[in-house]
Amino acid sequence: MWERKTLLLSEQSGWIVCNYVNSTTEIQVLRIANISNWYFERVIFPRQRFQFEAPPDADLEIHTGIMASAILSDKIQCNRLCIS
C-alpha cells in the first residue's frame, strides 16, 4: 500500500522547530532579521504560545510595547528555543 508522508520544512532543510511563549501582559512582535534573503515577523498576544520553524543560527528579536514605539526587549538564539 502506498503511503504519503508530509515532511516539515525542518525535516527537509535542517531548520529547527522552535517554541516561544509571550509570558507578559503586553503584545509582542517577534522578528528574525539576521538571515539573508529571509524575513520573519509575527504579532504575539499576551500568554500566547507560538511554534515556528527557523534556521538554527537565527536570532529571535522580541519587541514589546505599543506597535509604533515597540522596544527591543530581548534577543534569543533560536537553537535555545528548539523543541525537536
Protein backbone atom coordinates (compact mmCIF):
# COMPACT_ATOMS: atom_id res chain seq x y z
CA MET A 1 0.00 0.00 0.00
CA TRP A 2 1.31 3.44 -0.95
CA GLU A 3 1.68 5.85 1.98
CA ARG A 4 2.04 9.59 1.63
CA LYS A 5 4.22 11.35 4.18
CA THR A 6 4.33 15.11 4.53
CA LEU A 7 7.69 16.42 5.67
CA LEU A 8 8.03 19.53 7.76
CA LEU A 9 10.25 22.24 6.38
CA SER A 10 12.63 21.49 9.25
CA GLU A 11 12.98 17.87 8.10
CA GLN A 12 13.78 18.96 4.54
CA SER A 13 16.18 21.83 5.17
CA GLY A 14 17.89 21.33 8.51
CA TRP A 15 15.81 24.08 10.08
CA ILE A 16 14.63 23.59 13.65
CA VAL A 17 11.17 23.71 15.22
CA CYS A 18 11.04 26.38 17.93
CA ASN A 19 8.55 27.35 20.61
CA TYR A 20 8.11 30.76 22.24
CA VAL A 21 5.60 31.88 24.87
CA ASN A 22 4.71 35.51 25.48
CA SER A 23 4.55 35.41 29.27
CA THR A 24 3.91 39.16 29.54
CA THR A 25 0.65 41.10 29.63
CA GLU A 26 1.65 43.09 26.53
CA ILE A 27 1.52 42.46 22.80
CA GLN A 28 4.90 41.49 21.38
CA VAL A 29 6.34 41.50 17.88
CA LEU A 30 8.68 38.60 17.12
CA ARG A 31 11.20 39.27 14.38
CA ILE A 32 14.09 37.40 12.77
CA ALA A 33 16.22 39.70 10.65
CA ASN A 34 19.73 38.23 10.76
CA ILE A 35 19.21 35.65 7.99
CA SER A 36 19.95 36.93 4.49
CA ASN A 37 17.13 36.70 1.92
CA TRP A 38 14.61 35.77 4.61
CA TYR A 39 12.44 37.90 6.87
CA PHE A 40 10.12 36.78 9.65
CA GLU A 41 7.76 38.90 11.74
CA ARG A 42 4.69 37.92 13.79
CA VAL A 43 2.49 39.63 16.37
CA ILE A 44 2.04 37.58 19.54
CA PHE A 45 -0.66 38.33 22.11
CA PRO A 46 -0.24 38.08 25.89
CA ARG A 47 0.06 34.49 27.14
CA GLN A 48 0.08 33.18 23.56
CA ARG A 49 2.27 30.21 22.65
CA PHE A 50 3.85 30.29 19.18
CA GLN A 51 5.57 27.46 17.32
CA PHE A 52 7.67 28.20 14.24
CA GLU A 53 10.49 26.87 12.07
CA ALA A 54 13.76 28.73 11.59
CA PRO A 55 17.42 28.21 10.71
CA PRO A 56 19.44 27.16 13.79
CA ASP A 57 21.63 30.27 13.57
CA ALA A 58 18.66 32.68 13.55
CA ASP A 59 18.20 35.21 16.36
CA LEU A 60 14.65 35.89 17.54
CA GLU A 61 14.14 39.55 18.45
CA ILE A 62 11.30 40.28 20.87
CA HIS A 63 9.85 43.78 20.64
CA THR A 64 7.44 44.75 23.42
CA GLY A 65 5.08 47.68 23.73
CA ILE A 66 2.78 49.73 21.57
CA MET A 67 3.43 48.91 17.91
CA ALA A 68 4.64 52.34 16.80
CA SER A 69 7.06 52.61 19.72
CA ALA A 70 7.90 48.97 20.48
CA ILE A 71 11.25 48.48 22.21
CA LEU A 72 13.63 45.59 21.59
CA SER A 73 13.29 43.84 24.93
CA ASP A 74 15.19 40.61 24.26
CA LYS A 75 17.11 38.63 21.67
CA ILE A 76 17.21 34.82 21.87
CA GLN A 77 19.11 32.37 19.67
CA CYS A 78 16.57 30.10 18.01
CA ASN A 79 18.62 27.00 18.85
CA ARG A 80 17.78 27.76 22.52
CA LEU A 81 14.05 27.58 21.66
CA CYS A 82 14.34 24.28 19.77
CA ILE A 83 11.78 21.59 20.61
CA SER A 84 12.77 18.91 18.10
